[in-house]
């Protein structure tokens, strides 16, 4: 099964191919575009397909 999940993929021509029954298309419907982790030492880790950008 081919999935087009623009929140997870970098561009419209990329697809996810589910090769086993382990995952279903519904497992990928609410994936955030980025993730922000605040570590105990006060540092931040920002990851994701479209991470936040400082526009100052």
C-alpha atoms as a PDB file:
ATOM      1  CA  UNK A   1       0.000   0.000   0.000  1.00  0.00           C
ATOM      2  CA  UNK A   2       1.302   3.466  -0.923  1.00  0.00           C
ATOM      3  CA  UNK A   3       0.624   6.427   1.351  1.00  0.00           C
ATOM      4  CA  UNK A   4       1.007  10.113   0.650  1.00  0.00           C
ATOM      5  CA  UNK A   5       1.609  11.788   3.994  1.00  0.00           C
ATOM      6  CA  UNK A   6       2.861  15.301   3.449  1.00  0.00           C
ATOM      7  CA  UNK A   7       3.206  15.964   7.177  1.00  0.00           C
ATOM      8  CA  UNK A   8       5.771  13.164   7.377  1.00  0.00           C
ATOM      9  CA  UNK A   9       7.453  13.419   3.981  1.00  0.00           C
ATOM     10  CA  UNK A  10       9.709  16.125   2.653  1.00  0.00           C
ATOM     11  CA  UNK A  11       8.051  16.507  -0.754  1.00  0.00           C
ATOM     12  CA  UNK A  12       4.908  15.488  -2.616  1.00  0.00           C
ATOM     13  CA  UNK A  13       6.680  12.897  -4.773  1.00  0.00           C
ATOM     14  CA  UNK A  14       7.683  10.748  -1.776  1.00  0.00           C
ATOM     15  CA  UNK A  15       5.571   7.808  -0.567  1.00  0.00           C
ATOM     16  CA  UNK A  16       5.534   5.398   2.345  1.00  0.00           C
ATOM     17  CA  UNK A  17       5.364   1.753   1.335  1.00  0.00           C
ATOM     18  CA  UNK A  18       3.917  -0.478   4.050  1.00  0.00           C
ATOM     19  CA  UNK A  19       5.687  -3.789   3.503  1.00  0.00           C
ATOM     20  CA  UNK A  20       4.128  -5.684   6.411  1.00  0.00           C
ATOM     21  CA  UNK A  21       0.867  -5.725   8.382  1.00  0.00           C
ATOM     22  CA  UNK A  22       2.576  -4.158  11.429  1.00  0.00           C
ATOM     23  CA  UNK A  23       1.461  -0.616  10.576  1.00  0.00           C
ATOM     24  CA  UNK A  24      -1.767   0.698   9.056  1.00  0.00           C
ATOM     25  CA  UNK A  25      -2.386   3.969   7.213  1.00  0.00           C
ATOM     26  CA  UNK A  26      -4.247   5.266  10.274  1.00  0.00           C
ATOM     27  CA  UNK A  27      -0.988   5.017  12.275  1.00  0.00           C
ATOM     28  CA  UNK A  28       0.375   7.924  10.215  1.00  0.00           C
ATOM     29  CA  UNK A  29      -2.560  10.349  10.140  1.00  0.00           C
ATOM     30  CA  UNK A  30      -1.647  12.579  13.090  1.00  0.00           C
ATOM     31  CA  UNK A  31       2.144  12.832  13.049  1.00  0.00           C
ATOM     32  CA  UNK A  32       3.326  16.340  13.994  1.00  0.00           C
ATOM     33  CA  UNK A  33       5.601  18.273  11.638  1.00  0.00           C
ATOM     34  CA  UNK A  34       8.130  18.887  14.378  1.00  0.00           C
ATOM     35  CA  UNK A  35       8.972  17.959  17.960  1.00  0.00           C
ATOM     36  CA  UNK A  36      10.487  20.191  20.644  1.00  0.00           C
ATOM     37  CA  UNK A  37      12.213  18.522  23.607  1.00  0.00           C
ATOM     38  CA  UNK A  38      13.283  20.542  26.637  1.00  0.00           C
ATOM     39  CA  UNK A  39      16.124  18.734  28.406  1.00  0.00           C
ATOM     40  CA  UNK A  40      16.740  18.933  32.160  1.00  0.00           C
ATOM     41  CA  UNK A  41      19.862  21.059  31.551  1.00  0.00           C
ATOM     42  CA  UNK A  42      17.718  23.703  29.795  1.00  0.00           C
ATOM     43  CA  UNK A  43      18.818  22.899  26.257  1.00  0.00           C
ATOM     44  CA  UNK A  44      16.328  22.364  23.436  1.00  0.00           C
ATOM     45  CA  UNK A  45      16.248  19.709  20.735  1.00  0.00           C
ATOM     46  CA  UNK A  46      14.059  20.608  17.751  1.00  0.00           C
ATOM     47  CA  UNK A  47      13.549  17.831  15.211  1.00  0.00           C
ATOM     48  CA  UNK A  48      11.159  16.993  12.410  1.00  0.00           C
ATOM     49  CA  UNK A  49      10.414  17.257   8.743  1.00  0.00           C
ATOM     50  CA  UNK A  50       9.624  20.962   9.059  1.00  0.00           C
ATOM     51  CA  UNK A  51      11.372  22.112  12.239  1.00  0.00           C
ATOM     52  CA  UNK A  52      10.620  25.511  13.699  1.00  0.00           C
ATOM     53  CA  UNK A  53      12.583  28.400  12.206  1.00  0.00           C
ATOM     54  CA  UNK A  54      13.621  31.582  14.019  1.00  0.00           C
ATOM     55  CA  UNK A  55      12.393  34.431  11.780  1.00  0.00           C
ATOM     56  CA  UNK A  56      14.015  37.341  13.621  1.00  0.00           C
END
